[in-house]
């Protein structure tokens, strides 16, 4: 079974950037079928980005309206790492960020955007 470990969170000023990593161990990980979610204090966990297989059989990425154009999900050189590049960060991006793969959640990494 796949296990997921997120890293890369931290404190950043508004307008700054961070890159989160989701590293998978175990067998069965593929970029298609993984996603990023986040949960802000007092709020429900929400979708951020995910990879799915398009009609042409190629991986496609989808993003929530709140992050589209600012965040990019992509696979690292290693097939077991996926990244979430976050730019133009806003205070409302503050949350614990989780990666998900086929029902398995990571432990989360805190992102705080504050001046």
PDB file of N, CA and C in Angstrom:
ATOM      1  N   UNK A   1       0.838  -1.185   0.000  1.00  0.00           N
ATOM      2  CA  UNK A   1       0.000   0.000   0.000  1.00  0.00           C
ATOM      3  C   UNK A   1       0.880   1.244   0.000  1.00  0.00           C
ATOM      4  N   UNK A   2       0.432   2.252  -0.689  1.00  0.00           N
ATOM      5  CA  UNK A   2       1.177   3.501  -0.760  1.00  0.00           C
ATOM      6  C   UNK A   2       1.052   4.283   0.547  1.00  0.00           C
ATOM      7  N   UNK A   3       2.160   4.859   0.981  1.00  0.00           N
ATOM      8  CA  UNK A   3       2.153   5.823   2.076  1.00  0.00           C
ATOM      9  C   UNK A   3       2.672   7.142   1.527  1.00  0.00           C
ATOM     10  N   UNK A   4       2.124   8.246   2.027  1.00  0.00           N
ATOM     11  CA  UNK A   4       2.453   9.566   1.499  1.00  0.00           C
ATOM     12  C   UNK A   4       3.027  10.452   2.592  1.00  0.00           C
ATOM     13  N   UNK A   5       4.069  11.201   2.251  1.00  0.00           N
ATOM     14  CA  UNK A   5       4.680  12.135   3.190  1.00  0.00           C
ATOM     15  C   UNK A   5       4.814  13.486   2.499  1.00  0.00           C
ATOM     16  N   UNK A   6       4.166  14.499   3.080  1.00  0.00           N
ATOM     17  CA  UNK A   6       4.270  15.847   2.542  1.00  0.00           C
ATOM     18  C   UNK A   6       5.396  16.604   3.240  1.00  0.00           C
ATOM     19  N   UNK A   7       5.967  17.552   2.534  1.00  0.00           N
ATOM     20  CA  UNK A   7       6.973  18.434   3.111  1.00  0.00           C
ATOM     21  C   UNK A   7       7.007  19.725   2.304  1.00  0.00           C
ATOM     22  N   UNK A   8       7.747  20.708   2.835  1.00  0.00           N
ATOM     23  CA  UNK A   8       7.926  21.955   2.101  1.00  0.00           C
ATOM     24  C   UNK A   8       7.104  23.125   2.611  1.00  0.00           C
ATOM     25  N   UNK A   9       6.254  22.878   3.580  1.00  0.00           N
ATOM     26  CA  UNK A   9       5.460  23.972   4.120  1.00  0.00           C
ATOM     27  C   UNK A   9       6.312  24.926   4.937  1.00  0.00           C
ATOM     28  N   UNK A  10       5.717  26.048   5.310  1.00  0.00           N
ATOM     29  CA  UNK A  10       6.434  27.028   6.109  1.00  0.00           C
ATOM     30  C   UNK A  10       5.709  28.346   6.143  1.00  0.00           C
ATOM     31  N   UNK A  11       6.420  29.361   6.621  1.00  0.00           N
ATOM     32  CA  UNK A  11       5.884  30.717   6.707  1.00  0.00           C
ATOM     33  C   UNK A  11       6.428  31.532   5.540  1.00  0.00           C
ATOM     34  N   UNK A  12       5.543  32.209   4.840  1.00  0.00           N
ATOM     35  CA  UNK A  12       5.957  33.007   3.692  1.00  0.00           C
ATOM     36  C   UNK A  12       5.131  34.283   3.670  1.00  0.00           C
ATOM     37  N   UNK A  13       5.695  35.342   3.154  1.00  0.00           N
ATOM     38  CA  UNK A  13       4.978  36.611   3.063  1.00  0.00           C
ATOM     39  C   UNK A  13       4.022  36.600   1.872  1.00  0.00           C
ATOM     40  N   UNK A  14       2.984  37.402   1.934  1.00  0.00           N
ATOM     41  CA  UNK A  14       2.082  37.502   0.774  1.00  0.00           C
ATOM     42  C   UNK A  14       2.855  37.838  -0.494  1.00  0.00           C
ATOM     43  N   UNK A  15       2.494  37.167  -1.572  1.00  0.00           N
ATOM     44  CA  UNK A  15       3.197  37.340  -2.831  1.00  0.00           C
ATOM     45  C   UNK A  15       4.349  36.380  -3.025  1.00  0.00           C
ATOM     46  N   UNK A  16       4.707  35.674  -1.970  1.00  0.00           N
ATOM     47  CA  UNK A  16       5.824  34.749  -2.041  1.00  0.00           C
ATOM     48  C   UNK A  16       5.452  33.411  -2.650  1.00  0.00           C
ATOM     49  N   UNK A  17       6.428  32.503  -2.657  1.00  0.00           N
ATOM     50  CA  UNK A  17       6.250  31.182  -3.272  1.00  0.00           C
ATOM     51  C   UNK A  17       6.732  30.080  -2.332  1.00  0.00           C
ATOM     52  N   UNK A  18       6.156  28.929  -2.493  1.00  0.00           N
ATOM     53  CA  UNK A  18       6.583  27.719  -1.807  1.00  0.00           C
ATOM     54  C   UNK A  18       6.380  26.554  -2.742  1.00  0.00           C
ATOM     55  N   UNK A  19       7.177  25.505  -2.541  1.00  0.00           N
ATOM     56  CA  UNK A  19       6.958  24.268  -3.285  1.00  0.00           C
ATOM     57  C   UNK A  19       6.758  23.136  -2.283  1.00  0.00           C
ATOM     58  N   UNK A  20       5.610  22.526  -2.352  1.00  0.00           N
ATOM     59  CA  UNK A  20       5.310  21.385  -1.496  1.00  0.00           C
ATOM     60  C   UNK A  20       5.653  20.097  -2.234  1.00  0.00           C
ATOM     61  N   UNK A  21       6.088  19.108  -1.459  1.00  0.00           N
ATOM     62  CA  UNK A  21       6.407  17.796  -2.016  1.00  0.00           C
ATOM     63  C   UNK A  21       5.501  16.748  -1.405  1.00  0.00           C
ATOM     64  N   UNK A  22       5.155  15.780  -2.200  1.00  0.00           N
ATOM     65  CA  UNK A  22       4.418  14.616  -1.727  1.00  0.00           C
ATOM     66  C   UNK A  22       5.195  13.399  -2.209  1.00  0.00           C
ATOM     67  N   UNK A  23       5.826  12.716  -1.291  1.00  0.00           N
ATOM     68  CA  UNK A  23       6.634  11.557  -1.646  1.00  0.00           C
ATOM     69  C   UNK A  23       5.912  10.283  -1.249  1.00  0.00           C
ATOM     70  N   UNK A  24       5.873   9.366  -2.179  1.00  0.00           N
ATOM     71  CA  UNK A  24       5.168   8.106  -1.951  1.00  0.00           C
ATOM     72  C   UNK A  24       6.155   6.977  -1.703  1.00  0.00           C
ATOM     73  N   UNK A  25       5.814   6.133  -0.758  1.00  0.00           N
ATOM     74  CA  UNK A  25       6.562   4.908  -0.546  1.00  0.00           C
ATOM     75  C   UNK A  25       5.601   3.735  -0.711  1.00  0.00           C
ATOM     76  N   UNK A  26       6.154   2.581  -0.982  1.00  0.00           N
ATOM     77  CA  UNK A  26       5.306   1.435  -1.249  1.00  0.00           C
ATOM     78  C   UNK A  26       5.033   1.336  -2.733  1.00  0.00           C
ATOM     79  N   UNK A  27       4.261   0.379  -3.104  1.00  0.00           N
ATOM     80  CA  UNK A  27       4.002   0.146  -4.523  1.00  0.00           C
ATOM     81  C   UNK A  27       2.630   0.669  -4.926  1.00  0.00           C
ATOM     82  N   UNK A  28       2.516   0.985  -6.192  1.00  0.00           N
ATOM     83  CA  UNK A  28       1.212   1.344  -6.729  1.00  0.00           C
ATOM     84  C   UNK A  28       0.967   2.812  -6.922  1.00  0.00           C
ATOM     85  N   UNK A  29       1.984   3.653  -6.698  1.00  0.00           N
ATOM     86  CA  UNK A  29       1.766   5.080  -6.859  1.00  0.00           C
ATOM     87  C   UNK A  29       1.846   5.474  -8.328  1.00  0.00           C
ATOM     88  N   UNK A  30       0.916   6.299  -8.754  1.00  0.00           N
ATOM     89  CA  UNK A  30       0.979   6.902 -10.078  1.00  0.00           C
ATOM     90  C   UNK A  30       0.492   8.331  -9.956  1.00  0.00           C
ATOM     91  N   UNK A  31       1.008   9.195 -10.817  1.00  0.00           N
ATOM     92  CA  UNK A  31       0.625  10.602 -10.736  1.00  0.00           C
ATOM     93  C   UNK A  31      -0.874  10.754 -10.975  1.00  0.00           C
ATOM     94  N   UNK A  32      -1.394  10.033 -11.954  1.00  0.00           N
ATOM     95  CA  UNK A  32      -2.836  10.068 -12.172  1.00  0.00           C
ATOM     96  C   UNK A  32      -3.516   9.447 -10.964  1.00  0.00           C
ATOM     97  N   UNK A  33      -4.433  10.146 -10.418  1.00  0.00           N
ATOM     98  CA  UNK A  33      -5.114   9.646  -9.243  1.00  0.00           C
ATOM     99  C   UNK A  33      -4.641  10.278  -7.958  1.00  0.00           C
ATOM    100  N   UNK A  34      -3.696  11.225  -8.042  1.00  0.00           N
ATOM    101  CA  UNK A  34      -3.286  11.911  -6.836  1.00  0.00           C
ATOM    102  C   UNK A  34      -3.764  13.356  -6.862  1.00  0.00           C
ATOM    103  N   UNK A  35      -3.915  13.900  -5.681  1.00  0.00           N
ATOM    104  CA  UNK A  35      -4.396  15.257  -5.590  1.00  0.00           C
ATOM    105  C   UNK A  35      -3.884  15.950  -4.347  1.00  0.00           C
ATOM    106  N   UNK A  36      -4.062  17.262  -4.329  1.00  0.00           N
ATOM    107  CA  UNK A  36      -3.743  18.085  -3.171  1.00  0.00           C
ATOM    108  C   UNK A  36      -5.024  18.710  -2.630  1.00  0.00           C
ATOM    109  N   UNK A  37      -5.119  18.728  -1.309  1.00  0.00           N
ATOM    110  CA  UNK A  37      -6.243  19.334  -0.615  1.00  0.00           C
ATOM    111  C   UNK A  37      -5.681  20.213   0.489  1.00  0.00           C
ATOM    112  N   UNK A  38      -6.515  21.060   1.052  1.00  0.00           N
ATOM    113  CA  UNK A  38      -6.069  21.897   2.155  1.00  0.00           C
ATOM    114  C   UNK A  38      -7.211  22.129   3.133  1.00  0.00           C
ATOM    115  N   UNK A  39      -6.825  22.392   4.369  1.00  0.00           N
ATOM    116  CA  UNK A  39      -7.811  22.660   5.405  1.00  0.00           C
ATOM    117  C   UNK A  39      -7.337  23.828   6.243  1.00  0.00           C
ATOM    118  N   UNK A  40      -8.094  24.900   6.189  1.00  0.00           N
ATOM    119  CA  UNK A  40      -7.803  26.076   6.991  1.00  0.00           C
ATOM    120  C   UNK A  40      -8.470  25.931   8.357  1.00  0.00           C
ATOM    121  N   UNK A  41      -7.978  26.647   9.354  1.00  0.00           N
ATOM    122  CA  UNK A  41      -8.570  26.550  10.701  1.00  0.00           C
ATOM    123  C   UNK A  41     -10.062  26.850  10.676  1.00  0.00           C
ATOM    124  N   UNK A  42     -10.833  25.968  11.267  1.00  0.00           N
ATOM    125  CA  UNK A  42     -12.269  26.171  11.351  1.00  0.00           C
ATOM    126  C   UNK A  42     -13.034  25.919  10.073  1.00  0.00           C
ATOM    127  N   UNK A  43     -12.357  25.424   9.050  1.00  0.00           N
ATOM    128  CA  UNK A  43     -13.018  25.184   7.768  1.00  0.00           C
ATOM    129  C   UNK A  43     -12.893  23.729   7.360  1.00  0.00           C
ATOM    130  N   UNK A  44     -13.703  23.346   6.397  1.00  0.00           N
ATOM    131  CA  UNK A  44     -13.657  21.987   5.903  1.00  0.00           C
ATOM    132  C   UNK A  44     -12.492  21.830   4.926  1.00  0.00           C
ATOM    133  N   UNK A  45     -12.028  20.584   4.799  1.00  0.00           N
ATOM    134  CA  UNK A  45     -10.968  20.306   3.846  1.00  0.00           C
ATOM    135  C   UNK A  45     -11.507  20.555   2.443  1.00  0.00           C
ATOM    136  N   UNK A  46     -10.687  21.199   1.608  1.00  0.00           N
ATOM    137  CA  UNK A  46     -11.144  21.546   0.272  1.00  0.00           C
ATOM    138  C   UNK A  46     -10.146  21.110  -0.785  1.00  0.00           C
ATOM    139  N   UNK A  47     -10.652  20.910  -1.974  1.00  0.00           N
ATOM    140  CA  UNK A  47      -9.856  20.493  -3.110  1.00  0.00           C
ATOM    141  C   UNK A  47      -8.966  21.633  -3.580  1.00  0.00           C
ATOM    142  N   UNK A  48      -7.738  21.289  -3.965  1.00  0.00           N
ATOM    143  CA  UNK A  48      -6.809  22.270  -4.521  1.00  0.00           C
ATOM    144  C   UNK A  48      -6.451  21.900  -5.970  1.00  0.00           C
ATOM    145  N   UNK A  49      -5.958  20.693  -6.182  1.00  0.00           N
ATOM    146  CA  UNK A  49      -5.529  20.289  -7.515  1.00  0.00           C
ATOM    147  C   UNK A  49      -5.477  18.771  -7.584  1.00  0.00           C
ATOM    148  N   UNK A  50      -5.606  18.240  -8.798  1.00  0.00           N
ATOM    149  CA  UNK A  50      -5.487  16.794  -8.957  1.00  0.00           C
ATOM    150  C   UNK A  50      -5.099  16.469 -10.392  1.00  0.00           C
ATOM    151  N   UNK A  51      -4.655  15.245 -10.580  1.00  0.00           N
ATOM    152  CA  UNK A  51      -4.284  14.735 -11.894  1.00  0.00           C
ATOM    153  C   UNK A  51      -5.260  13.631 -12.285  1.00  0.00           C
ATOM    154  N   UNK A  52      -5.720  13.682 -13.509  1.00  0.00           N
ATOM    155  CA  UNK A  52      -6.614  12.639 -14.003  1.00  0.00           C
ATOM    156  C   UNK A  52      -6.179  12.280 -15.418  1.00  0.00           C
ATOM    157  N   UNK A  53      -6.727  11.179 -15.913  1.00  0.00           N
ATOM    158  CA  UNK A  53      -6.390  10.749 -17.276  1.00  0.00           C
ATOM    159  C   UNK A  53      -7.431  11.310 -18.231  1.00  0.00           C
ATOM    160  N   UNK A  54      -6.957  12.104 -19.215  1.00  0.00           N
ATOM    161  CA  UNK A  54      -7.869  12.708 -20.164  1.00  0.00           C
ATOM    162  C   UNK A  54      -8.367  11.717 -21.204  1.00  0.00           C
ATOM    163  N   UNK A  55      -9.232  12.202 -22.078  1.00  0.00           N
ATOM    164  CA  UNK A  55      -9.793  11.357 -23.123  1.00  0.00           C
ATOM    165  C   UNK A  55      -8.721  10.822 -24.065  1.00  0.00           C
ATOM    166  N   UNK A  56      -7.614  11.541 -24.163  1.00  0.00           N
ATOM    167  CA  UNK A  56      -6.530  11.101 -25.036  1.00  0.00           C
ATOM    168  C   UNK A  56      -5.561  10.166 -24.332  1.00  0.00           C
ATOM    169  N   UNK A  57      -5.883   9.817 -23.095  1.00  0.00           N
ATOM    170  CA  UNK A  57      -5.035   8.890 -22.366  1.00  0.00           C
ATOM    171  C   UNK A  57      -3.855   9.535 -21.673  1.00  0.00           C
ATOM    172  N   UNK A  58      -3.748  10.850 -21.773  1.00  0.00           N
ATOM    173  CA  UNK A  58      -2.626  11.551 -21.167  1.00  0.00           C
ATOM    174  C   UNK A  58      -3.068  12.168 -19.840  1.00  0.00           C
ATOM    175  N   UNK A  59      -2.086  12.358 -18.963  1.00  0.00           N
ATOM    176  CA  UNK A  59      -2.382  12.987 -17.682  1.00  0.00           C
ATOM    177  C   UNK A  59      -2.810  14.434 -17.892  1.00  0.00           C
ATOM    178  N   UNK A  60      -3.855  14.824 -17.222  1.00  0.00           N
ATOM    179  CA  UNK A  60      -4.346  16.194 -17.228  1.00  0.00           C
ATOM    180  C   UNK A  60      -4.453  16.666 -15.790  1.00  0.00           C
ATOM    181  N   UNK A  61      -4.348  17.954 -15.594  1.00  0.00           N
ATOM    182  CA  UNK A  61      -4.398  18.512 -14.250  1.00  0.00           C
ATOM    183  C   UNK A  61      -5.572  19.473 -14.135  1.00  0.00           C
ATOM    184  N   UNK A  62      -6.242  19.426 -13.019  1.00  0.00           N
ATOM    185  CA  UNK A  62      -7.314  20.373 -12.762  1.00  0.00           C
ATOM    186  C   UNK A  62      -7.065  21.088 -11.450  1.00  0.00           C
ATOM    187  N   UNK A  63      -7.543  22.309 -11.359  1.00  0.00           N
ATOM    188  CA  UNK A  63      -7.298  23.158 -10.203  1.00  0.00           C
ATOM    189  C   UNK A  63      -8.601  23.794  -9.730  1.00  0.00           C
ATOM    190  N   UNK A  64      -8.627  24.119  -8.454  1.00  0.00           N
ATOM    191  CA  UNK A  64      -9.756  24.882  -7.948  1.00  0.00           C
ATOM    192  C   UNK A  64      -9.674  26.306  -8.497  1.00  0.00           C
ATOM    193  N   UNK A  65     -10.801  26.977  -8.544  1.00  0.00           N
ATOM    194  CA  UNK A  65     -10.837  28.345  -9.051  1.00  0.00           C
ATOM    195  C   UNK A  65      -9.933  29.266  -8.242  1.00  0.00           C
ATOM    196  N   UNK A  66      -9.811  29.006  -6.964  1.00  0.00           N
ATOM    197  CA  UNK A  66      -9.063  29.906  -6.088  1.00  0.00           C
ATOM    198  C   UNK A  66      -7.554  29.840  -6.303  1.00  0.00           C
ATOM    199  N   UNK A  67      -7.061  28.764  -6.923  1.00  0.00           N
ATOM    200  CA  UNK A  67      -5.612  28.640  -7.099  1.00  0.00           C
ATOM    201  C   UNK A  67      -5.195  28.567  -8.556  1.00  0.00           C
ATOM    202  N   UNK A  68      -6.132  28.411  -9.465  1.00  0.00           N
ATOM    203  CA  UNK A  68      -5.788  28.281 -10.888  1.00  0.00           C
ATOM    204  C   UNK A  68      -4.991  29.497 -11.349  1.00  0.00           C
ATOM    205  N   UNK A  69      -3.891  29.223 -12.036  1.00  0.00           N
ATOM    206  CA  UNK A  69      -3.012  30.290 -12.504  1.00  0.00           C
ATOM    207  C   UNK A  69      -1.904  30.630 -11.527  1.00  0.00           C
ATOM    208  N   UNK A  70      -2.028  30.176 -10.293  1.00  0.00           N
ATOM    209  CA  UNK A  70      -0.995  30.457  -9.281  1.00  0.00           C
ATOM    210  C   UNK A  70      -0.285  29.185  -8.823  1.00  0.00           C
ATOM    211  N   UNK A  71      -0.990  28.076  -8.818  1.00  0.00           N
ATOM    212  CA  UNK A  71      -0.422  26.811  -8.356  1.00  0.00           C
ATOM    213  C   UNK A  71      -0.231  25.874  -9.547  1.00  0.00           C
ATOM    214  N   UNK A  72       0.808  25.049  -9.468  1.00  0.00           N
ATOM    215  CA  UNK A  72       1.069  24.062 -10.511  1.00  0.00           C
ATOM    216  C   UNK A  72       1.417  22.733  -9.874  1.00  0.00           C
ATOM    217  N   UNK A  73       0.719  21.703 -10.287  1.00  0.00           N
ATOM    218  CA  UNK A  73       0.994  20.341  -9.814  1.00  0.00           C
ATOM    219  C   UNK A  73       1.798  19.626 -10.888  1.00  0.00           C
ATOM    220  N   UNK A  74       2.903  19.024 -10.511  1.00  0.00           N
ATOM    221  CA  UNK A  74       3.695  18.297 -11.493  1.00  0.00           C
ATOM    222  C   UNK A  74       4.496  17.204 -10.805  1.00  0.00           C
ATOM    223  N   UNK A  75       4.950  16.269 -11.613  1.00  0.00           N
ATOM    224  CA  UNK A  75       5.727  15.153 -11.081  1.00  0.00           C
ATOM    225  C   UNK A  75       7.203  15.493 -11.123  1.00  0.00           C
ATOM    226  N   UNK A  76       7.927  15.026 -10.098  1.00  0.00           N
ATOM    227  CA  UNK A  76       9.357  15.203 -10.068  1.00  0.00           C
ATOM    228  C   UNK A  76      10.053  14.207 -10.978  1.00  0.00           C
ATOM    229  N   UNK A  77      11.368  14.299 -11.040  1.00  0.00           N
ATOM    230  CA  UNK A  77      12.137  13.362 -11.847  1.00  0.00           C
ATOM    231  C   UNK A  77      11.948  11.936 -11.365  1.00  0.00           C
ATOM    232  N   UNK A  78      11.775  11.801 -10.073  1.00  0.00           N
ATOM    233  CA  UNK A  78      11.435  10.496  -9.516  1.00  0.00           C
ATOM    234  C   UNK A  78       9.938  10.277  -9.670  1.00  0.00           C
ATOM    235  N   UNK A  79       9.555   9.113 -10.080  1.00  0.00           N
ATOM    236  CA  UNK A  79       8.135   8.822 -10.297  1.00  0.00           C
ATOM    237  C   UNK A  79       7.349   8.739  -9.001  1.00  0.00           C
ATOM    238  N   UNK A  80       8.051   8.804  -7.874  1.00  0.00           N
ATOM    239  CA  UNK A  80       7.350   8.683  -6.594  1.00  0.00           C
ATOM    240  C   UNK A  80       7.186  10.020  -5.889  1.00  0.00           C
ATOM    241  N   UNK A  81       7.483  11.129  -6.556  1.00  0.00           N
ATOM    242  CA  UNK A  81       7.335  12.446  -5.945  1.00  0.00           C
ATOM    243  C   UNK A  81       6.474  13.329  -6.827  1.00  0.00           C
ATOM    244  N   UNK A  82       5.526  13.981  -6.210  1.00  0.00           N
ATOM    245  CA  UNK A  82       4.720  14.988  -6.897  1.00  0.00           C
ATOM    246  C   UNK A  82       4.871  16.304  -6.154  1.00  0.00           C
ATOM    247  N   UNK A  83       4.886  17.379  -6.908  1.00  0.00           N
ATOM    248  CA  UNK A  83       5.090  18.699  -6.316  1.00  0.00           C
ATOM    249  C   UNK A  83       3.863  19.579  -6.530  1.00  0.00           C
ATOM    250  N   UNK A  84       3.695  20.516  -5.617  1.00  0.00           N
ATOM    251  CA  UNK A  84       2.718  21.576  -5.796  1.00  0.00           C
ATOM    252  C   UNK A  84       3.482  22.890  -5.671  1.00  0.00           C
ATOM    253  N   UNK A  85       3.733  23.515  -6.814  1.00  0.00           N
ATOM    254  CA  UNK A  85       4.408  24.811  -6.819  1.00  0.00           C
ATOM    255  C   UNK A  85       3.363  25.892  -6.600  1.00  0.00           C
ATOM    256  N   UNK A  86       3.567  26.701  -5.572  1.00  0.00           N
ATOM    257  CA  UNK A  86       2.602  27.727  -5.210  1.00  0.00           C
ATOM    258  C   UNK A  86       3.261  29.095  -5.352  1.00  0.00           C
ATOM    259  N   UNK A  87       2.674  29.958  -6.128  1.00  0.00           N
ATOM    260  CA  UNK A  87       3.199  31.307  -6.321  1.00  0.00           C
ATOM    261  C   UNK A  87       2.121  32.327  -5.999  1.00  0.00           C
ATOM    262  N   UNK A  88       2.532  33.571  -5.889  1.00  0.00           N
ATOM    263  CA  UNK A  88       1.605  34.669  -5.583  1.00  0.00           C
ATOM    264  C   UNK A  88       0.705  34.317  -4.407  1.00  0.00           C
ATOM    265  N   UNK A  89       1.316  33.817  -3.358  1.00  0.00           N
ATOM    266  CA  UNK A  89       0.542  33.335  -2.219  1.00  0.00           C
ATOM    267  C   UNK A  89      -0.193  34.468  -1.517  1.00  0.00           C
ATOM    268  N   UNK A  90      -1.362  34.118  -1.010  1.00  0.00           N
ATOM    269  CA  UNK A  90      -2.220  35.071  -0.323  1.00  0.00           C
ATOM    270  C   UNK A  90      -2.480  34.578   1.092  1.00  0.00           C
ATOM    271  N   UNK A  91      -2.837  35.476   2.005  1.00  0.00           N
ATOM    272  CA  UNK A  91      -3.148  35.031   3.370  1.00  0.00           C
ATOM    273  C   UNK A  91      -4.231  33.956   3.397  1.00  0.00           C
ATOM    274  N   UNK A  92      -5.169  34.007   2.489  1.00  0.00           N
ATOM    275  CA  UNK A  92      -6.236  33.006   2.472  1.00  0.00           C
ATOM    276  C   UNK A  92      -5.764  31.636   1.995  1.00  0.00           C
ATOM    277  N   UNK A  93      -4.514  31.530   1.552  1.00  0.00           N
ATOM    278  CA  UNK A  93      -3.940  30.221   1.235  1.00  0.00           C
ATOM    279  C   UNK A  93      -3.414  29.510   2.478  1.00  0.00           C
ATOM    280  N   UNK A  94      -3.429  30.190   3.601  1.00  0.00           N
ATOM    281  CA  UNK A  94      -2.973  29.587   4.842  1.00  0.00           C
ATOM    282  C   UNK A  94      -3.828  28.374   5.193  1.00  0.00           C
ATOM    283  N   UNK A  95      -3.181  27.239   5.382  1.00  0.00           N
ATOM    284  CA  UNK A  95      -3.896  25.990   5.652  1.00  0.00           C
ATOM    285  C   UNK A  95      -2.883  24.869   5.858  1.00  0.00           C
ATOM    286  N   UNK A  96      -3.374  23.743   6.306  1.00  0.00           N
ATOM    287  CA  UNK A  96      -2.595  22.516   6.248  1.00  0.00           C
ATOM    288  C   UNK A  96      -2.892  21.866   4.903  1.00  0.00           C
ATOM    289  N   UNK A  97      -1.839  21.544   4.177  1.00  0.00           N
ATOM    290  CA  UNK A  97      -1.973  20.972   2.847  1.00  0.00           C
ATOM    291  C   UNK A  97      -1.706  19.466   2.912  1.00  0.00           C
ATOM    292  N   UNK A  98      -2.594  18.718   2.285  1.00  0.00           N
ATOM    293  CA  UNK A  98      -2.518  17.258   2.291  1.00  0.00           C
ATOM    294  C   UNK A  98      -2.460  16.743   0.856  1.00  0.00           C
ATOM    295  N   UNK A  99      -1.713  15.673   0.650  1.00  0.00           N
ATOM    296  CA  UNK A  99      -1.839  14.973  -0.621  1.00  0.00           C
ATOM    297  C   UNK A  99      -2.642  13.697  -0.402  1.00  0.00           C
ATOM    298  N   UNK A 100      -3.282  13.292  -1.466  1.00  0.00           N
ATOM    299  CA  UNK A 100      -4.188  12.147  -1.438  1.00  0.00           C
ATOM    300  C   UNK A 100      -3.909  11.286  -2.649  1.00  0.00           C
ATOM    301  N   UNK A 101      -3.857   9.989  -2.440  1.00  0.00           N
ATOM    302  CA  UNK A 101      -3.709   9.059  -3.558  1.00  0.00           C
ATOM    303  C   UNK A 101      -4.577   7.841  -3.300  1.00  0.00           C
ATOM    304  N   UNK A 102      -5.586   7.690  -4.105  1.00  0.00           N
ATOM    305  CA  UNK A 102      -6.467   6.517  -4.062  1.00  0.00           C
ATOM    306  C   UNK A 102      -6.893   6.180  -2.639  1.00  0.00           C
ATOM    307  N   UNK A 103      -7.379   7.179  -1.949  1.00  0.00           N
ATOM    308  CA  UNK A 103      -7.934   6.980  -0.620  1.00  0.00           C
ATOM    309  C   UNK A 103      -6.946   7.070   0.519  1.00  0.00           C
ATOM    310  N   UNK A 104      -5.674   7.232   0.212  1.00  0.00           N
ATOM    311  CA  UNK A 104      -4.644   7.335   1.247  1.00  0.00           C
ATOM    312  C   UNK A 104      -4.233   8.801   1.393  1.00  0.00           C
ATOM    313  N   UNK A 105      -4.272   9.300   2.637  1.00  0.00           N
ATOM    314  CA  UNK A 105      -3.877  10.676   2.927  1.00  0.00           C
ATOM    315  C   UNK A 105      -2.488  10.714   3.549  1.00  0.00           C
ATOM    316  N   UNK A 106      -1.767  11.814   3.250  1.00  0.00           N
ATOM    317  CA  UNK A 106      -0.549  12.083   3.979  1.00  0.00           C
ATOM    318  C   UNK A 106      -0.880  12.765   5.299  1.00  0.00           C
ATOM    319  N   UNK A 107       0.161  13.117   6.059  1.00  0.00           N
ATOM    320  CA  UNK A 107      -0.052  13.699   7.385  1.00  0.00           C
ATOM    321  C   UNK A 107      -0.260  15.207   7.330  1.00  0.00           C
ATOM    322  N   UNK A 108       0.059  15.819   6.191  1.00  0.00           N
ATOM    323  CA  UNK A 108      -0.150  17.242   6.020  1.00  0.00           C
ATOM    324  C   UNK A 108       1.089  18.064   6.316  1.00  0.00           C
ATOM    325  N   UNK A 109       1.144  19.240   5.705  1.00  0.00           N
ATOM    326  CA  UNK A 109       2.224  20.194   5.949  1.00  0.00           C
ATOM    327  C   UNK A 109       1.605  21.587   6.041  1.00  0.00           C
ATOM    328  N   UNK A 110       2.034  22.348   7.044  1.00  0.00           N
ATOM    329  CA  UNK A 110       1.426  23.651   7.319  1.00  0.00           C
ATOM    330  C   UNK A 110       2.010  24.716   6.403  1.00  0.00           C
ATOM    331  N   UNK A 111       1.137  25.491   5.803  1.00  0.00           N
ATOM    332  CA  UNK A 111       1.522  26.670   5.031  1.00  0.00           C
ATOM    333  C   UNK A 111       0.877  27.889   5.676  1.00  0.00           C
ATOM    334  N   UNK A 112       1.698  28.862   6.023  1.00  0.00           N
ATOM    335  CA  UNK A 112       1.201  30.090   6.620  1.00  0.00           C
ATOM    336  C   UNK A 112       1.673  31.266   5.780  1.00  0.00           C
ATOM    337  N   UNK A 113       0.726  32.074   5.326  1.00  0.00           N
ATOM    338  CA  UNK A 113       1.036  33.245   4.517  1.00  0.00           C
ATOM    339  C   UNK A 113       0.696  34.483   5.343  1.00  0.00           C
ATOM    340  N   UNK A 114       1.723  35.199   5.746  1.00  0.00           N
ATOM    341  CA  UNK A 114       1.517  36.332   6.640  1.00  0.00           C
ATOM    342  C   UNK A 114       2.674  37.302   6.500  1.00  0.00           C
ATOM    343  N   UNK A 115       2.359  38.597   6.663  1.00  0.00           N
ATOM    344  CA  UNK A 115       3.405  39.620   6.565  1.00  0.00           C
ATOM    345  C   UNK A 115       4.229  39.666   7.833  1.00  0.00           C
TER     346      UNK A 115
END
